[in-house]
């Protein structure tokens, strides 16, 4: 990126920062604003920046953003606290997420038969993770029962890391079935995938355990400054990522696993990671949405009815049906099931998964995958952003503020990726 392009992106961030508190009470969310800015300054707008999806700098930025997001999201949630009181997110992750991948694969295969079964699965898996930050007003609105807010919060914090191994397998099989990488034989493929899917978490767990131990001891002995404690939440996931990639393992899975270990092993580091996600992590996320608007949204000019239909299905039936099935027998109100089914925004993870697919996995029909993901994320940014506040208020009024209903059961608190005061 050139200095002028960096200056333009910085100016957009500065201007939105000036009105950020006022924007919290409206229907214009940060992802909406920054995607619109990207479209305005990109090649299909004022042509103030010249960026391409294959630029090396964009790839590095996307990878760094993904590993930091996986780490910070996982580190917010201590999985040892996910007991029966958190049955809703456990069901959403253990039943709803796999079902969403399966029904999404079926829909993608019907609409885009040229993809084949593994290409269709790649598309479905890339769009399975949710991003609660796109509907931040839902998870930070006190009128919505705490149990429901935490369900969406925990689900979005863990499903991107849980979906990534499946994405690796599906994308590699799609590329292999197209003749790319299949020549090395099944044994070599299994070894490579095994190193990626197993080696990454092992490296992440080991380094995070050691890092958490050293940080706790340094802080206990008063050797560590608070500023550098916060910086360690940047250094540790990048160290884990780089070490795993150097060893041939998957750095993203290493970063996600490192976050899970940190959440269990170090309260100090967990709190610092939450602070990081509020500032530095948010900055990287918004830059990605600018790049999305500038580089990928113009591709929608090539969109056909199948891509638009799949986007609509992805945000409704392909999300809502798995959610409804996963929550059977819990006694939740129909309004709650519909609310949880609707607020499954697609955002950051799907976009960065797409950039990885574009660069690393050549197989037929990838243009259909690109257009379907871009259409789904673009629709989600605006549909979920505009409905978050009004539907949260409406749903909050419908379920009330207390009582013995399942929605109102107490649950342990996990911090949000982006915290704010709610009125």
Protein backbone atom coordinates (compact mmCIF):
# COMPACT_ATOMS: atom_id res chain seq x y z
CA UNK A 1 0.00 0.00 0.00
CA UNK A 2 1.17 3.50 -0.82
CA UNK A 3 1.38 6.35 1.75
CA UNK A 4 -1.57 8.11 0.13
CA UNK A 5 -3.70 4.98 0.46
CA UNK A 6 -2.72 4.59 4.11
CA UNK A 7 -3.59 8.24 4.71
CA UNK A 8 -7.05 7.78 3.19
CA UNK A 9 -7.77 4.72 5.32
CA UNK A 10 -6.56 6.56 8.42
CA UNK A 11 -8.73 9.57 7.60
CA UNK A 12 -11.79 7.33 7.33
CA UNK A 13 -11.02 5.82 10.72
CA UNK A 14 -10.47 9.23 12.29
CA UNK A 15 -13.72 10.68 10.95
CA UNK A 16 -15.78 7.71 12.14
CA UNK A 17 -14.10 7.86 15.55
CA UNK A 18 -15.42 11.42 15.95
CA UNK A 19 -19.02 10.21 15.68
CA UNK A 20 -18.60 6.67 17.00
CA UNK A 21 -20.62 7.16 20.19
CA UNK A 22 -23.50 8.74 18.31
CA UNK A 23 -23.38 5.89 15.78
CA UNK A 24 -23.93 3.35 18.57
CA UNK A 25 -27.52 4.51 18.98
CA UNK A 26 -28.33 4.33 15.26
CA UNK A 27 -28.50 1.69 12.58
CA UNK A 28 -25.13 2.44 10.96
CA UNK A 29 -22.60 -0.02 12.35
CA UNK A 30 -18.81 0.25 11.92
CA UNK A 31 -18.67 -2.64 9.39
CA UNK A 32 -21.40 -0.94 7.34
CA UNK A 33 -19.62 2.40 7.40
CA UNK A 34 -16.19 1.06 6.54
CA UNK A 35 -17.40 -1.26 3.79
CA UNK A 36 -19.17 1.76 2.27
CA UNK A 37 -15.98 3.81 2.58
CA UNK A 38 -14.06 1.08 0.79
CA UNK A 39 -16.58 1.02 -2.05
CA UNK A 40 -16.45 4.83 -2.29
CA UNK A 41 -12.67 5.08 -2.53
CA UNK A 42 -12.10 1.94 -4.60
CA UNK A 43 -11.82 1.34 -8.33
CA UNK A 44 -15.61 1.44 -8.82
CA UNK A 45 -15.91 4.69 -6.84
CA UNK A 46 -13.62 7.69 -6.69
CA UNK A 47 -10.55 5.60 -7.61
CA UNK A 48 -8.55 7.03 -4.73
CA UNK A 49 -6.87 3.71 -3.98
CA UNK A 50 -5.60 1.00 -6.28
CA UNK A 51 -5.71 -2.33 -4.48
CA UNK A 52 -5.93 -5.90 -5.72
CA UNK A 53 -7.00 -9.04 -3.93
CA UNK A 54 -3.70 -10.73 -4.82
CA UNK A 55 -1.49 -8.00 -3.32
CA UNK A 56 1.02 -9.53 -0.93
CA UNK A 57 0.42 -6.82 1.68
CA UNK A 58 -3.31 -7.56 1.72
CA UNK A 59 -2.64 -11.27 2.18
CA UNK A 60 -0.31 -10.60 5.12
CA UNK A 61 -2.80 -8.18 6.69
CA UNK A 62 -5.60 -10.73 6.30
CA UNK A 63 -3.54 -13.51 7.85
CA UNK A 64 -2.42 -11.39 10.79
CA UNK A 65 -6.00 -10.23 11.38
CA UNK A 66 -7.32 -13.77 11.30
CA UNK A 67 -4.75 -15.20 13.71
CA UNK A 68 -5.23 -12.31 16.15
CA UNK A 69 -9.01 -12.63 15.93
CA UNK A 70 -8.92 -16.39 16.47
CA UNK A 71 -6.63 -15.91 19.45
CA UNK A 72 -8.55 -13.05 21.06
CA UNK A 73 -11.96 -14.66 20.48
CA UNK A 74 -10.85 -17.97 21.98
CA UNK A 75 -9.06 -16.31 24.90
CA UNK A 76 -12.29 -14.55 25.94
CA UNK A 77 -13.98 -17.87 26.67
CA UNK A 78 -12.77 -20.25 29.33
CA UNK A 79 -14.11 -23.56 28.04
CA UNK A 80 -13.93 -25.05 31.54
CA UNK A 81 -16.86 -22.74 32.40
CA UNK A 82 -19.06 -24.12 29.62
CA UNK A 83 -21.30 -26.22 31.82
CA UNK A 84 -25.01 -27.06 31.58
CA UNK A 85 -25.93 -23.41 32.05
CA UNK A 86 -24.29 -22.78 28.68
CA UNK A 87 -26.24 -25.54 26.97
CA UNK A 88 -27.44 -23.16 24.23
CA UNK A 89 -24.02 -22.32 22.73
CA UNK A 90 -22.82 -25.90 23.27
CA UNK A 91 -25.74 -27.14 21.19
CA UNK A 92 -25.23 -24.42 18.58
CA UNK A 93 -21.60 -25.47 18.22
CA UNK A 94 -21.91 -29.24 18.57
CA UNK A 95 -25.14 -29.72 16.58
CA UNK A 96 -26.01 -26.47 14.80
CA UNK A 97 -22.58 -25.83 13.27
CA UNK A 98 -22.16 -29.28 11.64
CA UNK A 99 -25.78 -29.19 10.46
CA UNK A 100 -25.23 -25.76 8.91
CA UNK A 101 -22.25 -27.17 7.02
CA UNK A 102 -24.28 -30.15 5.80
CA UNK A 103 -27.39 -28.30 4.67
CA UNK A 104 -25.22 -25.54 3.21
CA UNK A 105 -23.29 -28.13 1.21
CA UNK A 106 -26.53 -29.54 -0.17
CA UNK A 107 -27.84 -26.12 -1.17
CA UNK A 108 -24.52 -25.13 -2.74
CA UNK A 109 -24.34 -28.38 -4.71
CA UNK A 110 -27.85 -27.89 -6.06
CA UNK A 111 -27.23 -24.27 -7.07
CA UNK A 112 -23.63 -24.68 -8.28
CA UNK A 113 -23.25 -28.27 -9.53
CA UNK A 114 -19.95 -27.44 -11.25
CA UNK A 115 -18.34 -27.09 -7.82
CA UNK A 116 -18.73 -30.77 -7.06
CA UNK A 117 -19.40 -32.04 -3.58
CA UNK A 118 -16.13 -30.82 -2.06
CA UNK A 119 -16.30 -27.40 -3.66
CA UNK A 120 -19.86 -27.07 -2.37
CA UNK A 121 -18.68 -28.12 1.08
CA UNK A 122 -15.91 -25.53 0.94
CA UNK A 123 -18.45 -22.78 0.27
CA UNK A 124 -20.78 -23.97 3.03
CA UNK A 125 -18.00 -24.26 5.61
CA UNK A 126 -16.55 -20.86 4.74
CA UNK A 127 -19.94 -19.31 5.52
CA UNK A 128 -20.70 -21.38 8.63
CA UNK A 129 -18.93 -19.20 11.26
CA UNK A 130 -20.81 -16.23 12.67
CA UNK A 131 -19.51 -12.79 13.63
CA UNK A 132 -21.38 -11.25 16.56
CA UNK A 133 -19.55 -7.94 16.02
CA UNK A 134 -21.80 -7.29 12.99
CA UNK A 135 -24.80 -7.23 15.30
CA UNK A 136 -23.05 -5.75 18.31
CA UNK A 137 -26.23 -4.09 19.56
CA UNK A 138 -27.67 -7.56 20.21
CA UNK A 139 -24.89 -8.93 22.44
CA UNK A 140 -24.48 -5.64 24.32
CA UNK A 141 -28.17 -4.77 24.80
CA UNK A 142 -29.17 -5.31 28.44
CA UNK A 143 -32.82 -5.82 27.48
CA UNK A 144 -31.86 -9.09 25.79
CA UNK A 145 -31.55 -11.86 28.44
CA UNK A 146 -27.98 -12.49 29.50
CA UNK A 147 -28.21 -16.17 28.59
CA UNK A 148 -29.16 -15.37 24.99
CA UNK A 149 -26.48 -12.70 24.61
CA UNK A 150 -23.84 -15.03 25.97
CA UNK A 151 -25.01 -17.83 23.67
CA UNK A 152 -24.38 -15.66 20.61
CA UNK A 153 -21.14 -14.37 22.12
CA UNK A 154 -19.73 -17.83 22.87
CA UNK A 155 -20.89 -19.26 19.55
CA UNK A 156 -19.20 -16.54 17.50
CA UNK A 157 -16.06 -16.73 19.62
CA UNK A 158 -15.51 -20.43 18.97
CA UNK A 159 -17.13 -21.40 15.68
CA UNK A 160 -14.57 -19.77 13.39
CA UNK A 161 -11.75 -21.82 14.92
CA UNK A 162 -13.83 -25.00 15.00
CA UNK A 163 -14.81 -24.62 11.34
CA UNK A 164 -11.29 -24.02 10.06
CA UNK A 165 -10.06 -27.66 10.13
CA UNK A 166 -13.12 -28.71 8.12
CA UNK A 167 -12.41 -25.92 5.64
CA UNK A 168 -8.83 -27.13 5.18
CA UNK A 169 -9.97 -30.68 4.49
CA UNK A 170 -12.79 -29.71 2.11
CA UNK A 171 -10.69 -27.20 0.16
CA UNK A 172 -7.79 -29.63 -0.22
CA UNK A 173 -10.14 -32.37 -1.42
CA UNK A 174 -11.75 -29.95 -3.88
CA UNK A 175 -8.32 -29.00 -5.23
CA UNK A 176 -7.26 -32.66 -5.31
CA UNK A 177 -10.35 -33.77 -7.19
CA UNK A 178 -9.56 -31.08 -9.76
CA UNK A 179 -6.11 -32.57 -10.28
CA UNK A 180 -4.12 -30.19 -8.09
CA UNK A 181 -2.14 -31.88 -5.37
CA UNK A 182 -3.65 -35.33 -5.91
CA UNK A 183 -0.56 -36.65 -7.62
CA UNK A 184 1.29 -37.11 -4.38
CA UNK A 185 -1.08 -39.88 -3.37
CA UNK A 186 -3.49 -40.40 -0.53
CA UNK A 187 -0.70 -41.04 1.97
CA UNK A 188 1.02 -37.74 1.30
CA UNK A 189 -2.30 -35.89 1.43
CA UNK A 190 -3.19 -37.50 4.75
CA UNK A 191 0.24 -36.67 6.17
CA UNK A 192 -0.02 -33.05 5.07
CA UNK A 193 -3.54 -32.59 6.42
CA UNK A 194 -2.64 -34.38 9.64
CA UNK A 195 0.31 -32.06 10.19
CA UNK A 196 -1.92 -29.05 9.55
CA UNK A 197 -4.88 -30.11 11.67
CA UNK A 198 -3.05 -31.86 14.51
CA UNK A 199 0.35 -30.19 14.47
CA UNK A 200 -1.05 -26.65 14.60
CA UNK A 201 -3.04 -27.15 17.82
CA UNK A 202 -0.13 -29.01 19.45
CA UNK A 203 2.29 -26.16 18.72
CA UNK A 204 -0.26 -23.59 19.85
CA UNK A 205 -1.07 -25.38 23.08
CA UNK A 206 2.58 -25.92 24.03
CA UNK A 207 3.72 -22.37 23.34
CA UNK A 208 0.64 -20.81 24.94
CA UNK A 209 1.05 -22.93 28.09
CA UNK A 210 4.69 -21.88 28.37
CA UNK A 211 3.87 -18.24 27.56
CA UNK A 212 1.06 -18.10 30.12
CA UNK A 213 3.33 -19.64 32.77
CA UNK A 214 6.10 -17.10 32.12
CA UNK A 215 3.69 -14.16 32.11
CA UNK A 216 2.04 -15.20 35.37
CA UNK A 217 5.41 -15.59 37.07
CA UNK A 218 6.74 -12.30 35.70
CA UNK A 219 3.61 -10.45 36.79
CA UNK A 220 3.62 -12.13 40.23
CA UNK A 221 7.25 -11.14 40.82
CA UNK A 222 6.52 -7.59 39.61
CA UNK A 223 8.88 -7.89 36.65
CA UNK A 224 6.28 -7.09 33.99
CA UNK A 225 4.84 -3.70 33.12
CA UNK A 226 1.11 -3.48 32.34
CA UNK A 227 1.83 -1.95 28.93
CA UNK A 228 4.01 -4.88 27.95
CA UNK A 229 1.47 -7.31 29.33
CA UNK A 230 -0.95 -5.93 26.77
CA UNK A 231 1.72 -6.09 24.04
CA UNK A 232 2.27 -9.74 24.88
CA UNK A 233 -1.24 -10.46 23.60
CA UNK A 234 0.04 -9.34 20.20
CA UNK A 235 3.42 -11.06 20.44
CA UNK A 236 2.22 -14.46 21.69
CA UNK A 237 -0.30 -15.29 18.94
CA UNK A 238 2.07 -14.04 16.23
CA UNK A 239 4.88 -16.13 17.74
CA UNK A 240 2.62 -19.18 17.81
CA UNK A 241 1.47 -18.57 14.23
CA UNK A 242 4.98 -18.08 12.87
CA UNK A 243 6.39 -21.08 14.71
CA UNK A 244 3.61 -23.38 13.51
CA UNK A 245 3.90 -22.24 9.89
CA UNK A 246 7.70 -22.69 10.00
CA UNK A 247 7.20 -26.28 11.15
CA UNK A 248 4.69 -26.95 8.36
CA UNK A 249 1.71 -26.93 10.73
CA UNK A 250 -1.29 -24.62 10.48
CA UNK A 251 -0.67 -21.29 12.17
CA UNK A 252 -4.33 -20.31 12.40
CA UNK A 253 -5.29 -23.44 14.32
CA UNK A 254 -2.23 -22.86 16.49
CA UNK A 255 -3.43 -19.32 17.26
CA UNK A 256 -6.95 -20.51 18.08
CA UNK A 257 -5.68 -23.27 20.37
CA UNK A 258 -3.32 -20.82 22.04
CA UNK A 259 -6.29 -18.60 22.86
CA UNK A 260 -8.16 -21.51 24.45
CA UNK A 261 -5.12 -22.38 26.59
CA UNK A 262 -4.63 -18.76 27.66
CA UNK A 263 -8.29 -18.53 28.70
CA UNK A 264 -7.80 -21.50 31.03
CA UNK A 265 -4.30 -20.73 32.31
CA UNK A 266 -3.89 -16.97 32.75
CA UNK A 267 -6.47 -14.54 34.02
CA UNK A 268 -4.07 -11.62 33.47
CA UNK A 269 -3.43 -12.54 29.86
CA UNK A 270 -7.12 -13.20 29.23
CA UNK A 271 -8.02 -9.70 30.44
CA UNK A 272 -5.22 -8.15 28.39
CA UNK A 273 -6.42 -10.00 25.28
CA UNK A 274 -9.92 -8.61 25.80
CA UNK A 275 -8.47 -5.09 25.96
CA UNK A 276 -6.47 -5.75 22.81
CA UNK A 277 -9.58 -6.91 20.96
CA UNK A 278 -11.29 -3.65 21.87
CA UNK A 279 -8.66 -1.42 20.28
CA UNK A 280 -5.93 -2.87 18.08
CA UNK A 281 -7.99 -5.87 17.03
CA UNK A 282 -10.93 -3.64 16.15
CA UNK A 283 -8.65 -1.46 14.01
CA UNK A 284 -7.47 -4.43 11.95
CA UNK A 285 -11.04 -5.67 11.55
CA UNK A 286 -12.27 -2.33 10.23
CA UNK A 287 -9.38 -2.12 7.76
CA UNK A 288 -10.42 -5.53 6.42
CA UNK A 289 -13.96 -4.22 5.88
CA UNK A 290 -12.57 -1.22 3.99
CA UNK A 291 -10.63 -3.59 1.76
CA UNK A 292 -13.76 -5.69 1.35
CA UNK A 293 -15.68 -2.67 0.08
CA UNK A 294 -12.87 -1.52 -2.19
CA UNK A 295 -11.80 -4.84 -3.68
CA UNK A 296 -14.54 -7.45 -3.37
CA UNK A 297 -17.90 -5.62 -3.35
CA UNK A 298 -17.42 -4.39 -6.96
CA UNK A 299 -17.38 -8.06 -7.99
CA UNK A 300 -21.11 -8.15 -7.27
CA UNK A 301 -21.62 -6.65 -10.72
CA UNK A 302 -20.93 -10.19 -11.97
CA UNK A 303 -23.40 -11.77 -9.54
CA UNK A 304 -26.13 -14.00 -10.93
CA UNK A 305 -29.44 -15.02 -9.43
CA UNK A 306 -27.93 -18.21 -7.98
CA UNK A 307 -25.41 -16.22 -5.93
CA UNK A 308 -28.13 -13.88 -4.67
CA UNK A 309 -30.42 -16.80 -3.82
CA UNK A 310 -27.67 -18.63 -1.96
CA UNK A 311 -26.85 -15.49 0.03
CA UNK A 312 -30.48 -15.13 1.06
CA UNK A 313 -30.71 -18.80 2.00
CA UNK A 314 -27.43 -18.68 3.93
CA UNK A 315 -28.76 -15.97 6.24
CA UNK A 316 -32.20 -17.52 6.73
CA UNK A 317 -33.01 -21.19 6.13
CA UNK A 318 -29.44 -22.52 6.12
CA UNK A 319 -28.84 -20.85 9.49
CA UNK A 320 -32.30 -20.97 11.03
CA UNK A 321 -33.08 -24.64 10.39
CA UNK A 322 -29.89 -26.01 12.03
CA UNK A 323 -30.40 -23.64 14.97
CA UNK A 324 -33.99 -24.78 15.45
CA UNK A 325 -33.01 -28.46 15.32
CA UNK A 326 -30.10 -27.97 17.71
CA UNK A 327 -32.36 -26.30 20.30
CA UNK A 328 -35.16 -28.88 20.30
CA UNK A 329 -36.29 -29.90 23.75
CA UNK A 330 -34.83 -26.90 25.59
CA UNK A 331 -38.16 -25.24 26.23
CA UNK A 332 -37.15 -21.95 24.61
CA UNK A 333 -39.84 -19.67 23.25
CA UNK A 334 -40.35 -19.66 19.47
CA UNK A 335 -39.33 -15.97 19.48
CA UNK A 336 -36.01 -16.95 21.04
CA UNK A 337 -35.33 -19.65 18.47
CA UNK A 338 -36.13 -17.22 15.65
CA UNK A 339 -33.96 -14.54 17.27
CA UNK A 340 -30.98 -16.88 17.59
CA UNK A 341 -31.57 -18.15 14.06
CA UNK A 342 -31.59 -14.68 12.55
CA UNK A 343 -28.60 -13.26 14.39
CA UNK A 344 -25.92 -15.38 12.82
CA UNK A 345 -24.08 -12.63 10.87
CA UNK A 346 -21.34 -13.59 8.42
CA UNK A 347 -18.32 -11.33 8.46
CA UNK A 348 -14.63 -11.29 9.16
CA UNK A 349 -13.86 -15.02 9.24
CA UNK A 350 -15.69 -15.72 5.97
CA UNK A 351 -13.88 -12.87 4.22
CA UNK A 352 -10.44 -14.00 5.31
CA UNK A 353 -11.26 -17.62 4.53
CA UNK A 354 -12.12 -16.40 1.03
CA UNK A 355 -8.76 -14.64 0.62
CA UNK A 356 -6.98 -17.85 1.67
CA UNK A 357 -9.04 -19.90 -0.80
CA UNK A 358 -8.33 -17.50 -3.64
CA UNK A 359 -4.58 -17.76 -3.14
CA UNK A 360 -4.01 -21.35 -2.04
CA UNK A 361 -6.66 -23.65 -3.50
CA UNK A 362 -7.17 -23.62 -7.28
CA UNK A 363 -10.21 -25.62 -8.33
CA UNK A 364 -13.07 -25.17 -10.83
CA UNK A 365 -15.95 -22.96 -9.88
CA UNK A 366 -14.01 -20.81 -7.42
CA UNK A 367 -15.56 -17.70 -8.96
CA UNK A 368 -18.95 -18.96 -7.80
CA UNK A 369 -17.57 -19.41 -4.29
CA UNK A 370 -16.13 -15.88 -4.35
CA UNK A 371 -19.36 -14.26 -5.53
CA UNK A 372 -21.54 -16.26 -3.13
CA UNK A 373 -19.37 -15.36 -0.12
CA UNK A 374 -19.13 -11.69 -1.08
CA UNK A 375 -22.90 -11.49 -1.64
CA UNK A 376 -23.63 -13.19 1.69
CA UNK A 377 -21.27 -11.01 3.72
CA UNK A 378 -22.44 -7.81 2.00
CA UNK A 379 -26.08 -8.69 2.67
CA UNK A 380 -25.27 -9.67 6.25
CA UNK A 381 -23.39 -6.45 7.00
CA UNK A 382 -26.41 -4.34 6.13
CA UNK A 383 -29.30 -6.66 7.04
CA UNK A 384 -27.95 -7.59 10.47
CA UNK A 385 -26.51 -4.15 11.14
CA UNK A 386 -29.79 -2.37 10.43
CA UNK A 387 -31.95 -4.85 12.36
CA UNK A 388 -29.73 -5.39 15.41
CA UNK A 389 -30.93 -2.50 17.57
CA UNK A 390 -34.65 -2.54 16.73
CA UNK A 391 -35.01 -6.33 16.92
CA UNK A 392 -32.99 -6.50 20.15
CA UNK A 393 -35.37 -3.98 21.75
CA UNK A 394 -38.44 -5.77 20.37
CA UNK A 395 -37.23 -9.19 21.50
CA UNK A 396 -36.20 -7.83 24.92
CA UNK A 397 -39.71 -6.48 25.48
CA UNK A 398 -41.30 -9.75 24.37
CA UNK A 399 -39.39 -11.91 26.88
CA UNK A 400 -39.41 -9.45 29.77
CA UNK A 401 -36.70 -8.79 32.31
CA UNK A 402 -36.98 -11.76 34.64
CA UNK A 403 -38.88 -14.86 35.60
CA UNK A 404 -38.30 -18.59 35.52
CA UNK A 405 -38.26 -19.07 31.73
CA UNK A 406 -35.19 -20.86 30.31
CA UNK A 407 -34.08 -17.63 28.64
CA UNK A 408 -33.51 -15.98 32.03
CA UNK A 409 -31.29 -18.56 33.70
CA UNK A 410 -28.04 -17.18 35.07
CA UNK A 411 -24.85 -17.95 33.15
CA UNK A 412 -21.17 -17.08 33.72
CA UNK A 413 -20.07 -13.92 31.94
CA UNK A 414 -17.56 -13.85 29.09
CA UNK A 415 -16.31 -10.54 27.73
CA UNK A 416 -17.35 -9.34 24.29
CA UNK A 417 -14.97 -8.81 21.37
CA UNK A 418 -16.08 -5.17 21.40
CA UNK A 419 -17.45 -4.02 24.74
CA UNK A 420 -19.56 -0.95 25.23
CA UNK A 421 -21.95 0.45 27.76
CA UNK A 422 -25.55 -0.37 27.05
CA UNK A 423 -28.42 1.76 28.06
